[in-house]
N, C-alpha and C. Protein backbone atom coordinates (compact mmCIF):
# COMPACT_ATOMS: atom_id res chain seq x y z
N LEU A 1 129.70 97.59 75.86
CA LEU A 1 131.11 97.24 75.85
C LEU A 1 131.72 97.34 74.45
N LYS A 2 130.90 97.64 73.47
CA LYS A 2 131.35 97.73 72.08
C LYS A 2 132.07 96.46 71.62
N ASN A 3 131.48 95.33 71.94
CA ASN A 3 132.03 94.04 71.54
C ASN A 3 131.18 93.52 70.38
N ASP A 4 131.77 93.44 69.20
CA ASP A 4 131.05 93.02 68.00
C ASP A 4 130.57 91.57 68.06
N LYS A 5 131.15 90.77 68.94
CA LYS A 5 130.76 89.36 69.04
C LYS A 5 129.44 89.19 69.78
N ILE A 6 129.09 90.11 70.66
CA ILE A 6 127.86 90.00 71.45
C ILE A 6 126.67 90.38 70.58
N LYS A 7 125.65 89.49 70.57
CA LYS A 7 124.46 89.72 69.75
C LYS A 7 123.20 89.48 70.59
N ALA A 8 122.19 90.31 70.36
CA ALA A 8 120.90 90.13 71.03
C ALA A 8 120.17 88.95 70.42
N ILE A 9 119.73 88.03 71.26
CA ILE A 9 119.01 86.85 70.80
C ILE A 9 117.56 87.20 70.48
N HIS A 10 116.99 88.11 71.23
CA HIS A 10 115.64 88.61 70.92
C HIS A 10 115.64 90.10 71.23
N ARG A 11 114.52 90.74 70.96
CA ARG A 11 114.47 92.19 71.13
C ARG A 11 113.32 92.57 72.07
N LEU A 12 113.44 93.76 72.62
CA LEU A 12 112.36 94.36 73.41
C LEU A 12 112.13 95.76 72.85
N ASP A 13 110.89 96.20 72.91
CA ASP A 13 110.60 97.57 72.53
C ASP A 13 111.36 98.50 73.48
N LYS A 14 111.66 99.69 73.01
CA LYS A 14 112.50 100.64 73.74
C LYS A 14 112.06 100.84 75.19
N GLU A 15 110.77 101.00 75.45
CA GLU A 15 110.30 101.29 76.80
C GLU A 15 109.90 100.05 77.59
N THR A 16 110.14 98.88 77.07
CA THR A 16 109.81 97.65 77.78
C THR A 16 110.97 97.27 78.69
N SER A 17 110.66 96.97 79.94
CA SER A 17 111.68 96.56 80.90
C SER A 17 111.78 95.03 80.91
N GLY A 18 112.81 94.51 81.58
CA GLY A 18 112.87 93.09 81.82
C GLY A 18 114.01 92.33 81.18
N VAL A 19 113.80 91.03 81.05
CA VAL A 19 114.81 90.08 80.59
C VAL A 19 115.12 90.29 79.12
N LEU A 20 116.40 90.39 78.83
CA LEU A 20 116.88 90.45 77.46
C LEU A 20 118.07 89.50 77.38
N LEU A 21 118.05 88.60 76.43
CA LEU A 21 119.06 87.56 76.32
C LEU A 21 120.05 87.88 75.21
N PHE A 22 121.34 87.76 75.53
CA PHE A 22 122.41 88.02 74.58
C PHE A 22 123.28 86.78 74.42
N ALA A 23 123.87 86.62 73.24
CA ALA A 23 124.85 85.56 72.98
C ALA A 23 126.23 86.19 72.96
N LYS A 24 127.20 85.50 73.51
CA LYS A 24 128.55 86.08 73.58
C LYS A 24 129.38 85.84 72.34
N ASP A 25 128.87 85.01 71.42
CA ASP A 25 129.56 84.87 70.13
C ASP A 25 128.57 84.38 69.07
N TYR A 26 129.02 84.39 67.82
CA TYR A 26 128.16 84.08 66.69
C TYR A 26 127.64 82.64 66.74
N LYS A 27 128.48 81.71 67.15
CA LYS A 27 128.10 80.29 67.22
C LYS A 27 126.92 80.11 68.20
N ILE A 28 127.00 80.71 69.34
CA ILE A 28 125.93 80.62 70.34
C ILE A 28 124.68 81.32 69.81
N PHE A 29 124.86 82.47 69.17
CA PHE A 29 123.75 83.21 68.59
C PHE A 29 122.99 82.35 67.58
N GLU A 30 123.70 81.70 66.69
CA GLU A 30 123.07 80.85 65.68
C GLU A 30 122.31 79.68 66.32
N ARG A 31 122.87 79.11 67.35
CA ARG A 31 122.21 78.00 68.05
C ARG A 31 120.91 78.47 68.70
N PHE A 32 120.95 79.64 69.32
CA PHE A 32 119.75 80.18 69.96
C PHE A 32 118.71 80.64 68.94
N LYS A 33 119.15 81.04 67.76
CA LYS A 33 118.20 81.38 66.70
C LYS A 33 117.33 80.17 66.38
N GLU A 34 117.95 79.00 66.37
CA GLU A 34 117.20 77.76 66.13
C GLU A 34 116.21 77.48 67.27
N VAL A 35 116.66 77.69 68.50
CA VAL A 35 115.78 77.50 69.66
C VAL A 35 114.55 78.39 69.52
N CYS A 36 114.76 79.64 69.16
CA CYS A 36 113.65 80.59 68.99
C CYS A 36 112.77 80.21 67.80
N LYS A 37 113.40 79.86 66.68
CA LYS A 37 112.66 79.49 65.47
C LYS A 37 111.76 78.29 65.72
N ASN A 38 112.24 77.34 66.51
CA ASN A 38 111.48 76.13 66.82
C ASN A 38 110.51 76.33 67.99
N LYS A 39 110.40 77.58 68.44
CA LYS A 39 109.48 77.94 69.54
C LYS A 39 109.76 77.12 70.80
N GLU A 40 111.03 76.94 71.09
CA GLU A 40 111.45 76.18 72.27
C GLU A 40 111.82 77.09 73.43
N ILE A 41 111.35 78.32 73.37
CA ILE A 41 111.62 79.28 74.44
C ILE A 41 110.28 79.87 74.88
N LEU A 42 110.03 79.81 76.17
CA LEU A 42 108.79 80.33 76.74
C LEU A 42 109.05 81.77 77.16
N LYS A 43 108.23 82.69 76.65
CA LYS A 43 108.37 84.12 76.96
C LYS A 43 107.13 84.59 77.69
N ILE A 44 107.34 85.05 78.93
CA ILE A 44 106.25 85.53 79.77
C ILE A 44 106.46 87.02 80.03
N TYR A 45 105.44 87.80 79.77
CA TYR A 45 105.46 89.24 80.03
C TYR A 45 104.38 89.59 81.04
N LEU A 46 104.53 90.75 81.63
CA LEU A 46 103.49 91.32 82.48
C LEU A 46 103.10 92.65 81.86
N ALA A 47 101.81 92.98 81.91
CA ALA A 47 101.34 94.22 81.31
C ALA A 47 100.18 94.77 82.13
N VAL A 48 100.11 96.09 82.19
CA VAL A 48 98.96 96.76 82.79
C VAL A 48 98.27 97.51 81.67
N SER A 49 96.97 97.25 81.51
CA SER A 49 96.22 97.86 80.42
C SER A 49 95.08 98.71 80.95
N HIS A 50 94.57 99.55 80.08
CA HIS A 50 93.36 100.30 80.36
C HIS A 50 92.17 99.35 80.26
N ASN A 51 91.13 99.64 80.98
CA ASN A 51 89.86 98.91 80.96
C ASN A 51 89.97 97.58 81.71
N GLU A 52 88.90 97.23 82.39
CA GLU A 52 88.86 95.99 83.16
C GLU A 52 88.38 94.85 82.25
N ALA A 53 89.15 93.78 82.23
CA ALA A 53 88.83 92.63 81.38
C ALA A 53 87.57 91.93 81.87
N THR A 54 86.80 91.43 80.91
CA THR A 54 85.59 90.67 81.23
C THR A 54 85.84 89.17 81.08
N PHE A 55 87.08 88.78 80.92
CA PHE A 55 87.47 87.38 80.74
C PHE A 55 88.61 87.05 81.71
N LYS A 56 88.83 85.75 81.92
CA LYS A 56 89.97 85.32 82.77
C LYS A 56 91.17 84.97 81.91
N ASP A 57 90.90 84.28 80.81
CA ASP A 57 91.94 83.85 79.88
C ASP A 57 91.45 84.11 78.47
N LEU A 58 92.39 84.46 77.59
CA LEU A 58 92.03 84.73 76.21
C LEU A 58 93.24 84.48 75.33
N THR A 59 93.02 83.87 74.18
CA THR A 59 94.08 83.73 73.17
C THR A 59 93.71 84.58 71.98
N ILE A 60 94.67 85.41 71.56
CA ILE A 60 94.49 86.25 70.38
C ILE A 60 95.34 85.65 69.27
N ASN A 61 94.69 85.26 68.18
CA ASN A 61 95.38 84.73 67.02
C ASN A 61 95.04 85.66 65.86
N GLN A 62 95.82 86.70 65.72
CA GLN A 62 95.54 87.75 64.75
C GLN A 62 96.84 88.11 64.05
N ASP A 63 96.83 88.01 62.74
CA ASP A 63 98.04 88.30 61.96
C ASP A 63 98.56 89.71 62.19
N ILE A 64 99.86 89.84 62.13
CA ILE A 64 100.53 91.14 62.17
C ILE A 64 101.44 91.19 60.95
N ASP A 65 101.23 92.21 60.12
CA ASP A 65 102.01 92.38 58.88
C ASP A 65 101.99 91.12 58.02
N GLY A 66 100.82 90.46 57.96
CA GLY A 66 100.65 89.30 57.11
C GLY A 66 101.23 88.00 57.67
N LYS A 67 101.72 88.03 58.92
CA LYS A 67 102.30 86.83 59.53
C LYS A 67 101.50 86.47 60.78
N GLN A 68 101.38 85.17 61.01
CA GLN A 68 100.63 84.70 62.16
C GLN A 68 101.25 85.22 63.46
N ALA A 69 100.39 85.66 64.37
CA ALA A 69 100.83 86.14 65.68
C ALA A 69 99.86 85.62 66.72
N ILE A 70 100.40 84.95 67.75
CA ILE A 70 99.56 84.34 68.78
C ILE A 70 100.01 84.85 70.15
N THR A 71 99.03 85.38 70.90
CA THR A 71 99.26 85.92 72.23
C THR A 71 98.25 85.31 73.19
N HIS A 72 98.73 84.79 74.32
CA HIS A 72 97.86 84.22 75.35
C HIS A 72 97.82 85.17 76.54
N LEU A 73 96.62 85.52 76.98
CA LEU A 73 96.45 86.44 78.10
C LEU A 73 95.82 85.74 79.28
N LYS A 74 96.28 86.10 80.47
CA LYS A 74 95.69 85.61 81.71
C LYS A 74 95.55 86.81 82.63
N VAL A 75 94.34 87.05 83.13
CA VAL A 75 94.11 88.17 84.04
C VAL A 75 94.65 87.80 85.41
N LEU A 76 95.55 88.64 85.93
CA LEU A 76 96.10 88.44 87.27
C LEU A 76 95.34 89.27 88.30
N LYS A 77 94.90 90.47 87.89
CA LYS A 77 94.22 91.37 88.80
C LYS A 77 93.54 92.45 87.96
N LYS A 78 92.46 93.02 88.49
CA LYS A 78 91.83 94.14 87.81
C LYS A 78 91.15 95.04 88.83
N GLY A 79 90.97 96.30 88.45
CA GLY A 79 90.30 97.25 89.32
C GLY A 79 90.61 98.67 88.91
N ASN A 80 89.77 99.59 89.36
CA ASN A 80 89.93 101.02 89.06
C ASN A 80 90.06 101.31 87.57
N GLY A 81 89.47 100.46 86.74
CA GLY A 81 89.50 100.71 85.30
C GLY A 81 90.73 100.18 84.59
N PHE A 82 91.49 99.29 85.24
CA PHE A 82 92.72 98.74 84.66
C PHE A 82 92.74 97.22 84.83
N THR A 83 93.57 96.56 84.02
CA THR A 83 93.77 95.10 84.14
C THR A 83 95.26 94.80 84.13
N TYR A 84 95.66 93.88 85.00
CA TYR A 84 97.04 93.40 85.09
C TYR A 84 97.05 92.02 84.46
N PHE A 85 97.81 91.87 83.37
CA PHE A 85 97.85 90.63 82.61
C PHE A 85 99.19 89.92 82.73
N GLN A 86 99.12 88.58 82.71
CA GLN A 86 100.29 87.77 82.37
C GLN A 86 100.12 87.46 80.90
N VAL A 87 101.16 87.68 80.12
CA VAL A 87 101.09 87.52 78.68
C VAL A 87 102.14 86.51 78.24
N ARG A 88 101.71 85.52 77.46
CA ARG A 88 102.65 84.55 76.90
C ARG A 88 102.53 84.64 75.38
N ILE A 89 103.67 84.82 74.73
CA ILE A 89 103.62 84.91 73.27
C ILE A 89 104.22 83.65 72.65
N GLU A 90 103.57 83.19 71.59
CA GLU A 90 104.09 82.04 70.83
C GLU A 90 104.95 82.52 69.67
N THR A 91 104.63 83.71 69.19
CA THR A 91 105.36 84.29 68.06
C THR A 91 105.96 85.60 68.56
N GLY A 92 106.87 86.15 67.84
CA GLY A 92 107.53 87.38 68.28
C GLY A 92 107.50 88.47 67.23
N ARG A 93 106.31 88.90 66.88
CA ARG A 93 106.18 89.96 65.88
C ARG A 93 106.43 91.32 66.50
N LYS A 94 106.83 92.27 65.68
CA LYS A 94 107.09 93.63 66.15
C LYS A 94 105.83 94.23 66.77
N HIS A 95 105.94 94.70 68.00
CA HIS A 95 104.85 95.33 68.76
C HIS A 95 103.68 94.37 68.97
N GLN A 96 103.92 93.07 68.93
CA GLN A 96 102.84 92.08 69.00
C GLN A 96 101.93 92.27 70.20
N ILE A 97 102.49 92.32 71.39
CA ILE A 97 101.66 92.42 72.59
C ILE A 97 100.89 93.74 72.59
N ARG A 98 101.57 94.80 72.25
CA ARG A 98 100.95 96.12 72.25
C ARG A 98 99.80 96.19 71.23
N LYS A 99 100.03 95.66 70.04
CA LYS A 99 99.00 95.66 69.00
C LYS A 99 97.82 94.77 69.40
N HIS A 100 98.12 93.57 69.89
CA HIS A 100 97.04 92.64 70.25
C HIS A 100 96.19 93.19 71.39
N LEU A 101 96.82 93.74 72.42
CA LEU A 101 96.03 94.28 73.53
C LEU A 101 95.19 95.48 73.07
N ALA A 102 95.75 96.33 72.26
CA ALA A 102 94.99 97.47 71.74
C ALA A 102 93.81 97.00 70.89
N SER A 103 93.99 95.90 70.17
CA SER A 103 92.93 95.40 69.28
C SER A 103 91.71 94.90 70.04
N ILE A 104 91.89 94.56 71.32
CA ILE A 104 90.75 94.09 72.12
C ILE A 104 90.33 95.14 73.15
N ARG A 105 90.69 96.39 72.89
CA ARG A 105 90.31 97.52 73.73
C ARG A 105 90.96 97.48 75.12
N HIS A 106 92.19 96.96 75.16
CA HIS A 106 92.99 96.95 76.39
C HIS A 106 94.39 97.48 76.09
N PRO A 107 94.48 98.72 75.59
CA PRO A 107 95.82 99.24 75.30
C PRO A 107 96.67 99.35 76.57
N ILE A 108 97.94 99.14 76.41
CA ILE A 108 98.86 99.18 77.55
C ILE A 108 98.99 100.60 78.07
N VAL A 109 98.95 100.72 79.38
CA VAL A 109 99.12 102.02 80.02
C VAL A 109 100.49 102.59 79.63
N GLY A 110 100.49 103.84 79.18
CA GLY A 110 101.73 104.51 78.82
C GLY A 110 102.21 104.28 77.41
N ASP A 111 101.50 103.46 76.64
CA ASP A 111 101.91 103.18 75.26
C ASP A 111 101.61 104.41 74.40
N LYS A 112 102.66 105.02 73.88
CA LYS A 112 102.52 106.27 73.14
C LYS A 112 102.05 106.06 71.69
N ILE A 113 102.11 104.84 71.18
CA ILE A 113 101.69 104.57 69.81
C ILE A 113 100.28 103.97 69.75
N TYR A 114 100.05 102.90 70.49
CA TYR A 114 98.77 102.19 70.42
C TYR A 114 97.86 102.49 71.61
N GLY A 115 98.32 103.30 72.53
CA GLY A 115 97.58 103.58 73.76
C GLY A 115 96.60 104.72 73.64
N ILE A 116 96.00 105.03 74.75
CA ILE A 116 95.04 106.13 74.85
C ILE A 116 95.83 107.44 74.89
N LYS A 117 95.45 108.37 74.04
CA LYS A 117 96.20 109.62 73.92
C LYS A 117 95.81 110.65 74.98
N LYS A 118 94.52 110.74 75.29
CA LYS A 118 94.06 111.70 76.29
C LYS A 118 93.42 110.94 77.44
N PHE A 119 93.81 111.30 78.66
CA PHE A 119 93.25 110.63 79.83
C PHE A 119 93.17 111.61 80.98
N GLU A 120 92.25 111.33 81.87
CA GLU A 120 92.01 112.20 83.02
C GLU A 120 92.68 111.66 84.28
N ASN A 121 92.97 110.38 84.30
CA ASN A 121 93.50 109.74 85.51
C ASN A 121 94.88 110.28 85.89
N ASN A 122 95.02 110.73 87.13
CA ASN A 122 96.29 111.31 87.60
C ASN A 122 97.43 110.31 87.59
N LEU A 123 97.14 109.05 87.90
CA LEU A 123 98.17 108.01 87.89
C LEU A 123 98.74 107.87 86.48
N VAL A 124 97.86 107.77 85.50
CA VAL A 124 98.28 107.57 84.11
C VAL A 124 99.09 108.78 83.62
N LYS A 125 98.72 109.95 84.04
CA LYS A 125 99.45 111.16 83.64
C LYS A 125 100.90 111.12 84.10
N ARG A 126 101.17 110.44 85.21
CA ARG A 126 102.54 110.38 85.76
C ARG A 126 103.36 109.23 85.18
N VAL A 127 102.74 108.33 84.44
CA VAL A 127 103.46 107.19 83.86
C VAL A 127 104.33 107.68 82.71
N SER A 128 105.63 107.36 82.78
CA SER A 128 106.57 107.89 81.78
C SER A 128 106.91 106.89 80.68
N ARG A 129 106.46 105.66 80.82
CA ARG A 129 106.76 104.64 79.81
C ARG A 129 105.62 103.64 79.77
N GLN A 130 105.66 102.75 78.79
CA GLN A 130 104.62 101.72 78.69
C GLN A 130 104.81 100.69 79.80
N MET A 131 103.69 100.23 80.36
CA MET A 131 103.72 99.27 81.45
C MET A 131 103.72 97.85 80.89
N LEU A 132 104.85 97.51 80.27
CA LEU A 132 105.09 96.19 79.70
C LEU A 132 106.45 95.73 80.19
N HIS A 133 106.49 94.52 80.76
CA HIS A 133 107.70 94.01 81.40
C HIS A 133 107.96 92.58 80.95
N SER A 134 109.14 92.34 80.39
CA SER A 134 109.55 90.99 80.01
C SER A 134 109.96 90.28 81.30
N TYR A 135 109.06 89.48 81.83
CA TYR A 135 109.22 88.92 83.17
C TYR A 135 110.07 87.65 83.24
N LYS A 136 109.83 86.75 82.28
CA LYS A 136 110.50 85.44 82.41
C LYS A 136 110.78 84.81 81.05
N LEU A 137 111.95 84.17 80.95
CA LEU A 137 112.29 83.33 79.81
C LEU A 137 112.61 81.94 80.35
N VAL A 138 112.08 80.92 79.70
CA VAL A 138 112.35 79.54 80.09
C VAL A 138 112.73 78.78 78.83
N PHE A 139 113.84 78.06 78.89
CA PHE A 139 114.28 77.30 77.72
C PHE A 139 115.22 76.18 78.15
N GLN A 140 115.37 75.21 77.27
CA GLN A 140 116.34 74.14 77.45
C GLN A 140 117.67 74.66 76.91
N HIS A 141 118.66 74.75 77.76
CA HIS A 141 119.96 75.29 77.32
C HIS A 141 120.52 74.39 76.21
N PRO A 142 120.84 74.96 75.06
CA PRO A 142 121.25 74.14 73.92
C PRO A 142 122.62 73.47 74.07
N TYR A 143 123.43 73.92 75.01
CA TYR A 143 124.75 73.30 75.22
C TYR A 143 124.79 72.47 76.50
N LEU A 144 124.18 72.97 77.54
CA LEU A 144 124.22 72.28 78.84
C LEU A 144 123.11 71.25 78.99
N ASN A 145 122.12 71.32 78.08
CA ASN A 145 120.98 70.41 78.08
C ASN A 145 120.26 70.38 79.44
N LYS A 146 120.08 71.57 80.01
CA LYS A 146 119.30 71.67 81.24
C LYS A 146 118.35 72.84 81.12
N LYS A 147 117.26 72.77 81.87
CA LYS A 147 116.25 73.82 81.83
C LYS A 147 116.80 75.08 82.51
N VAL A 148 116.65 76.21 81.82
CA VAL A 148 117.09 77.49 82.35
C VAL A 148 115.87 78.40 82.46
N GLU A 149 115.74 79.05 83.61
CA GLU A 149 114.64 79.98 83.84
C GLU A 149 115.24 81.29 84.33
N ILE A 150 114.99 82.35 83.59
CA ILE A 150 115.53 83.67 83.93
C ILE A 150 114.35 84.58 84.22
N THR A 151 114.38 85.22 85.39
CA THR A 151 113.29 86.11 85.80
C THR A 151 113.85 87.48 86.12
N ALA A 152 113.14 88.51 85.69
CA ALA A 152 113.53 89.89 85.99
C ALA A 152 112.57 90.47 87.03
N LEU A 153 113.12 91.07 88.06
CA LEU A 153 112.30 91.70 89.09
C LEU A 153 111.42 92.78 88.46
N ILE A 154 110.25 92.97 89.04
CA ILE A 154 109.33 93.99 88.56
C ILE A 154 109.86 95.35 89.01
N PRO A 155 110.05 96.30 88.09
CA PRO A 155 110.59 97.61 88.45
C PRO A 155 109.62 98.44 89.30
N SER A 156 110.15 99.39 90.03
CA SER A 156 109.36 100.18 90.97
C SER A 156 108.25 100.98 90.29
N ASP A 157 108.50 101.53 89.10
CA ASP A 157 107.44 102.31 88.42
C ASP A 157 106.26 101.41 88.06
N PHE A 158 106.55 100.17 87.70
CA PHE A 158 105.51 99.19 87.37
C PHE A 158 104.73 98.84 88.65
N LYS A 159 105.45 98.63 89.75
CA LYS A 159 104.80 98.31 91.03
C LYS A 159 103.89 99.44 91.47
N ASN A 160 104.31 100.69 91.25
CA ASN A 160 103.48 101.83 91.63
C ASN A 160 102.15 101.81 90.90
N VAL A 161 102.16 101.45 89.64
CA VAL A 161 100.91 101.36 88.88
C VAL A 161 100.08 100.17 89.40
N LEU A 162 100.73 99.06 89.70
CA LEU A 162 100.01 97.89 90.23
C LEU A 162 99.33 98.21 91.55
N ASN A 163 99.95 99.01 92.39
CA ASN A 163 99.36 99.36 93.69
C ASN A 163 98.04 100.09 93.53
N TYR A 164 97.81 100.69 92.39
CA TYR A 164 96.59 101.43 92.14
C TYR A 164 95.40 100.49 91.88
N LEU A 165 95.68 99.30 91.40
CA LEU A 165 94.61 98.33 91.14
C LEU A 165 94.05 97.79 92.44
N ARG A 166 92.79 97.55 92.47
CA ARG A 166 92.19 96.90 93.62
C ARG A 166 91.36 95.72 93.12
N ASP A 167 91.19 94.74 93.97
CA ASP A 167 90.40 93.56 93.57
C ASP A 167 88.93 93.88 93.48
């Protein structure tokens, strides 16, 4: 809309789908910056990675660019050489989820930077973007003082990759 007052409260990587929160003016933006700074916003992502996880839950506490970065992983499903994760981040570093998953040998399917460059799997060959989805944001609304939960439906391309996994 080319409205200079509207500001993104957080960011998503270019190929990541899902919830993105905007403020309609500077005052609201500044208030939400505090909410984010104080880690009062719960961010849940979904990701499909290469390789089947050997764990159910895992916390990665590994610095990114000299700053603390914490990512919590929960395996939702795995099969056919892939894992479907629920990802909760405590910090919001650039490419945090992508870097952390790649660091434990679970690069995100379709990730052109940290992912697998050559693959034989026909499904992966057809994937046009990274399989990372900003699924849910939960926070206490700073003005209304009530809990707000925003969820984004899983896109069809993501569902197609999920259908390939088997228990």
